């Protein structure tokens, strides 16, 4: 079997130098397009936001928690802090997006497409990526406990220093992907990790998980 190729880093968002501030939440987010805007400490939570489109913008400490945002589209966006907890982002399309320090507990991205997306120091526990397509995506120092990757397609995805305890990989497929320094205790369907890259130190650390894949029973000497 030929060596697995290392994942590609996500392309960074391309933002204009000047952004127009948006201080207040629009009255209706459904189908709205926000372009070249700077949103800071804006509360958009618990609103219908189907097909909301945000382009070439920055979101700092914005609250999108419990928002019904099916069909959400983000392109060339930086997100710093704030909450997407419980957000329904099913069928979302994210392209060249950076999320840093964002809480996404319980958010759902069913049937979503994530291309050139980076998650840095985010809490993504209990989140759902069912049937999601992830291409050139990185998870850095993220909490992904009990995240659900059922039937997800992960291409060129890098997990670094993440907690994947009890995450579900049922039906997931990995190509050109890598795990470094991650916790994999009680991960579901570990056989779906077939083909991923790991350092020798990480493989030794996860020997019980990897042994279970091939039916090896670990016993004390």
Protein backbone atom coordinates (compact mmCIF):
# COMPACT_ATOMS: atom_id res chain seq x y z
CA UNK A 1 0.00 0.00 0.00
CA UNK A 2 1.43 3.41 -0.96
CA UNK A 3 2.09 6.00 1.77
CA UNK A 4 -0.77 8.33 2.60
CA UNK A 5 -0.20 11.88 1.42
CA UNK A 6 -0.17 14.62 4.06
CA UNK A 7 -3.27 16.83 4.23
CA UNK A 8 -3.19 20.26 2.65
CA UNK A 9 -3.60 23.31 4.92
CA UNK A 10 -6.84 25.25 4.51
CA UNK A 11 -6.66 28.38 2.37
CA UNK A 12 -7.06 31.48 4.52
CA UNK A 13 -10.03 33.84 4.24
CA UNK A 14 -9.52 36.73 1.81
CA UNK A 15 -10.95 39.86 3.44
CA UNK A 16 -10.83 43.48 2.28
CA UNK A 17 -8.84 45.95 4.38
CA UNK A 18 -11.89 48.04 5.31
CA UNK A 19 -15.10 46.57 6.68
CA UNK A 20 -18.32 48.43 7.42
CA UNK A 21 -19.42 47.96 11.06
CA UNK A 22 -22.79 46.36 11.77
CA UNK A 23 -23.78 47.24 15.31
CA UNK A 24 -27.36 45.96 15.45
CA UNK A 25 -29.04 42.76 14.41
CA UNK A 26 -31.08 43.05 11.19
CA UNK A 27 -34.83 42.57 11.72
CA UNK A 28 -34.96 39.54 9.42
CA UNK A 29 -32.00 37.23 8.69
CA UNK A 30 -33.78 34.92 6.25
CA UNK A 31 -32.14 35.08 2.84
CA UNK A 32 -30.12 38.12 3.89
CA UNK A 33 -26.63 38.78 2.45
CA UNK A 34 -24.02 40.56 4.55
CA UNK A 35 -20.95 41.56 2.56
CA UNK A 36 -17.77 43.30 3.73
CA UNK A 37 -19.19 43.81 7.22
CA UNK A 38 -17.65 43.77 10.69
CA UNK A 39 -20.01 42.34 13.32
CA UNK A 40 -18.99 42.69 16.95
CA UNK A 41 -21.02 41.55 19.98
CA UNK A 42 -24.17 41.30 17.89
CA UNK A 43 -26.94 38.99 19.16
CA UNK A 44 -28.38 36.90 16.32
CA UNK A 45 -29.44 34.01 18.55
CA UNK A 46 -32.63 31.97 18.34
CA UNK A 47 -33.76 33.55 15.08
CA UNK A 48 -34.84 32.06 11.76
CA UNK A 49 -31.86 32.61 9.48
CA UNK A 50 -32.45 30.20 6.62
CA UNK A 51 -30.15 30.85 3.65
CA UNK A 52 -28.28 33.63 5.45
CA UNK A 53 -25.18 34.53 3.40
CA UNK A 54 -22.09 36.22 4.88
CA UNK A 55 -19.24 37.14 2.54
CA UNK A 56 -15.84 38.76 3.13
CA UNK A 57 -16.69 39.68 6.70
CA UNK A 58 -15.52 39.35 10.29
CA UNK A 59 -17.60 38.19 13.27
CA UNK A 60 -16.27 38.88 16.77
CA UNK A 61 -18.18 37.65 19.83
CA UNK A 62 -21.34 37.22 17.77
CA UNK A 63 -24.09 35.06 19.27
CA UNK A 64 -25.63 32.66 16.75
CA UNK A 65 -26.70 30.08 19.33
CA UNK A 66 -29.93 28.15 18.72
CA UNK A 67 -30.32 29.82 15.33
CA UNK A 68 -32.22 28.00 12.58
CA UNK A 69 -29.69 28.62 9.82
CA UNK A 70 -30.28 25.85 7.29
CA UNK A 71 -28.55 26.70 4.05
CA UNK A 72 -26.14 29.10 5.76
CA UNK A 73 -23.37 30.25 3.39
CA UNK A 74 -20.08 31.73 4.57
CA UNK A 75 -17.24 32.66 2.25
CA UNK A 76 -14.03 34.44 3.24
CA UNK A 77 -15.09 34.94 6.86
CA UNK A 78 -13.16 35.12 10.14
CA UNK A 79 -15.07 34.24 13.31
CA UNK A 80 -13.56 35.06 16.70
CA UNK A 81 -15.28 33.96 19.90
CA UNK A 82 -19.02 33.96 20.36
CA UNK A 83 -21.39 31.02 20.31
CA UNK A 84 -22.95 28.77 17.68
CA UNK A 85 -24.18 26.33 20.33
CA UNK A 86 -27.27 24.46 19.18
CA UNK A 87 -27.24 26.16 15.79
CA UNK A 88 -28.90 24.26 12.96
CA UNK A 89 -26.52 24.76 10.03
CA UNK A 90 -27.73 21.78 8.01
CA UNK A 91 -26.89 22.04 4.28
CA UNK A 92 -24.51 24.91 5.06
CA UNK A 93 -21.71 25.89 2.70
CA UNK A 94 -18.53 27.21 4.33
CA UNK A 95 -15.58 28.20 2.13
CA UNK A 96 -12.36 29.83 3.36
CA UNK A 97 -13.63 30.30 6.91
CA UNK A 98 -11.65 30.52 10.14
CA UNK A 99 -13.36 29.90 13.49
CA UNK A 100 -11.26 30.65 16.55
CA UNK A 101 -12.42 30.22 20.15
CA UNK A 102 -16.04 29.60 19.10
CA UNK A 103 -18.46 27.47 21.11
CA UNK A 104 -20.32 25.07 18.80
CA UNK A 105 -21.68 22.58 21.35
CA UNK A 106 -24.54 20.66 19.77
CA UNK A 107 -24.40 22.52 16.46
CA UNK A 108 -25.43 20.47 13.42
CA UNK A 109 -23.89 20.49 9.95
CA UNK A 110 -25.84 17.68 8.35
CA UNK A 111 -25.31 17.50 4.57
CA UNK A 112 -23.05 20.54 4.82
CA UNK A 113 -19.97 21.29 2.72
CA UNK A 114 -16.87 22.63 4.51
CA UNK A 115 -13.99 23.62 2.23
CA UNK A 116 -10.82 25.35 3.46
CA UNK A 117 -12.16 25.72 6.99
CA UNK A 118 -10.09 25.92 10.16
CA UNK A 119 -11.36 25.42 13.72
CA UNK A 120 -8.92 26.66 16.37
CA UNK A 121 -9.49 26.18 20.11
CA UNK A 122 -13.20 25.60 19.56
CA UNK A 123 -15.63 23.62 21.67
CA UNK A 124 -17.44 21.35 19.20
CA UNK A 125 -18.63 18.62 21.55
CA UNK A 126 -21.91 16.86 20.73
CA UNK A 127 -21.85 18.51 17.29
CA UNK A 128 -23.20 16.69 14.26
CA UNK A 129 -21.38 16.37 10.93
CA UNK A 130 -23.61 13.62 9.54
CA UNK A 131 -23.27 13.20 5.75
CA UNK A 132 -21.00 16.27 5.77
CA UNK A 133 -18.21 16.74 3.22
CA UNK A 134 -15.01 18.20 4.69
CA UNK A 135 -12.18 19.16 2.33
CA UNK A 136 -8.96 20.89 3.44
CA UNK A 137 -10.24 21.30 7.00
CA UNK A 138 -8.18 21.57 10.18
CA UNK A 139 -9.21 21.08 13.80
CA UNK A 140 -6.59 22.51 16.16
CA UNK A 141 -6.90 22.07 19.96
CA UNK A 142 -10.64 21.49 19.68
CA UNK A 143 -13.01 19.60 21.95
CA UNK A 144 -14.90 17.10 19.82
CA UNK A 145 -16.22 14.74 22.49
CA UNK A 146 -19.19 12.76 21.19
CA UNK A 147 -19.14 14.55 17.84
CA UNK A 148 -21.01 12.60 15.17
CA UNK A 149 -19.29 12.04 11.80
CA UNK A 150 -21.79 9.45 10.53
CA UNK A 151 -21.23 8.86 6.79
CA UNK A 152 -19.06 11.99 6.61
CA UNK A 153 -16.43 12.29 3.88
CA UNK A 154 -13.18 13.72 5.23
CA UNK A 155 -10.60 14.62 2.61
CA UNK A 156 -7.36 16.36 3.55
CA UNK A 157 -8.44 16.86 7.18
CA UNK A 158 -5.98 17.42 10.03
CA UNK A 159 -6.81 16.93 13.72
CA UNK A 160 -4.14 18.34 16.05
CA UNK A 161 -4.39 18.13 19.84
CA UNK A 162 -8.12 17.39 19.75
CA UNK A 163 -10.29 15.41 22.14
CA UNK A 164 -12.31 12.87 20.13
CA UNK A 165 -13.44 10.85 23.13
CA UNK A 166 -16.63 8.91 22.29
CA UNK A 167 -16.87 10.56 18.88
CA UNK A 168 -18.76 8.46 16.31
CA UNK A 169 -17.14 7.56 12.99
CA UNK A 170 -19.77 5.13 11.73
CA UNK A 171 -19.66 5.08 7.94
CA UNK A 172 -17.09 7.89 7.79
CA UNK A 173 -14.33 7.80 5.17
CA UNK A 174 -10.89 9.43 5.43
CA UNK A 175 -8.53 10.30 2.60
CA UNK A 176 -5.27 12.25 2.86
CA UNK A 177 -6.00 12.90 6.56
CA UNK A 178 -3.95 12.95 9.74
CA UNK A 179 -4.32 12.85 13.54
CA UNK A 180 -1.66 14.30 15.83
CA UNK A 181 -1.76 14.29 19.62
CA UNK A 182 -5.47 13.47 19.81
CA UNK A 183 -7.46 11.65 22.49
CA UNK A 184 -9.33 8.69 21.01
CA UNK A 185 -10.72 6.95 24.09
CA UNK A 186 -13.93 5.04 23.43
CA UNK A 187 -14.15 6.41 19.90
CA UNK A 188 -16.92 4.74 17.95
CA UNK A 189 -16.12 2.63 14.88
CA UNK A 190 -12.34 3.11 15.05
CA UNK A 191 -11.96 0.86 11.99
CA UNK A 192 -13.09 3.86 9.94
CA UNK A 193 -9.71 5.46 10.70
CA UNK A 194 -8.15 3.13 8.16
CA UNK A 195 -5.71 5.06 5.98
CA UNK A 196 -5.16 8.07 8.26
CA UNK A 197 -1.64 9.24 9.11
CA UNK A 198 -0.38 9.14 12.72
CA UNK A 199 3.02 9.55 14.33
CA UNK A 200 4.55 6.51 16.00
CA UNK A 201 4.10 8.17 19.41
CA UNK A 202 0.41 8.73 18.71
CA UNK A 203 -0.03 5.17 17.47
CA UNK A 204 1.53 3.80 20.67
CA UNK A 205 -0.66 6.09 22.77
CA UNK A 206 -3.77 4.78 20.98
CA UNK A 207 -2.65 1.15 20.86
CA UNK A 208 -5.77 -0.11 22.64
CA UNK A 209 -8.02 1.60 20.10
CA UNK A 210 -5.99 0.38 17.13
CA UNK A 211 -5.68 -3.14 18.52
CA UNK A 212 -9.44 -3.38 18.83
CA UNK A 213 -9.73 -2.73 15.11
CA UNK A 214 -7.90 -5.94 14.27
CA UNK A 215 -9.23 -7.93 17.20
CA UNK A 216 -6.12 -7.96 19.36
CA UNK A 217 -6.71 -8.31 23.11
CA UNK A 218 -4.25 -6.30 25.21
CA UNK A 219 -3.24 -8.11 28.42
CA UNK A 220 -0.96 -7.19 31.28
CA UNK A 221 2.53 -8.80 31.17
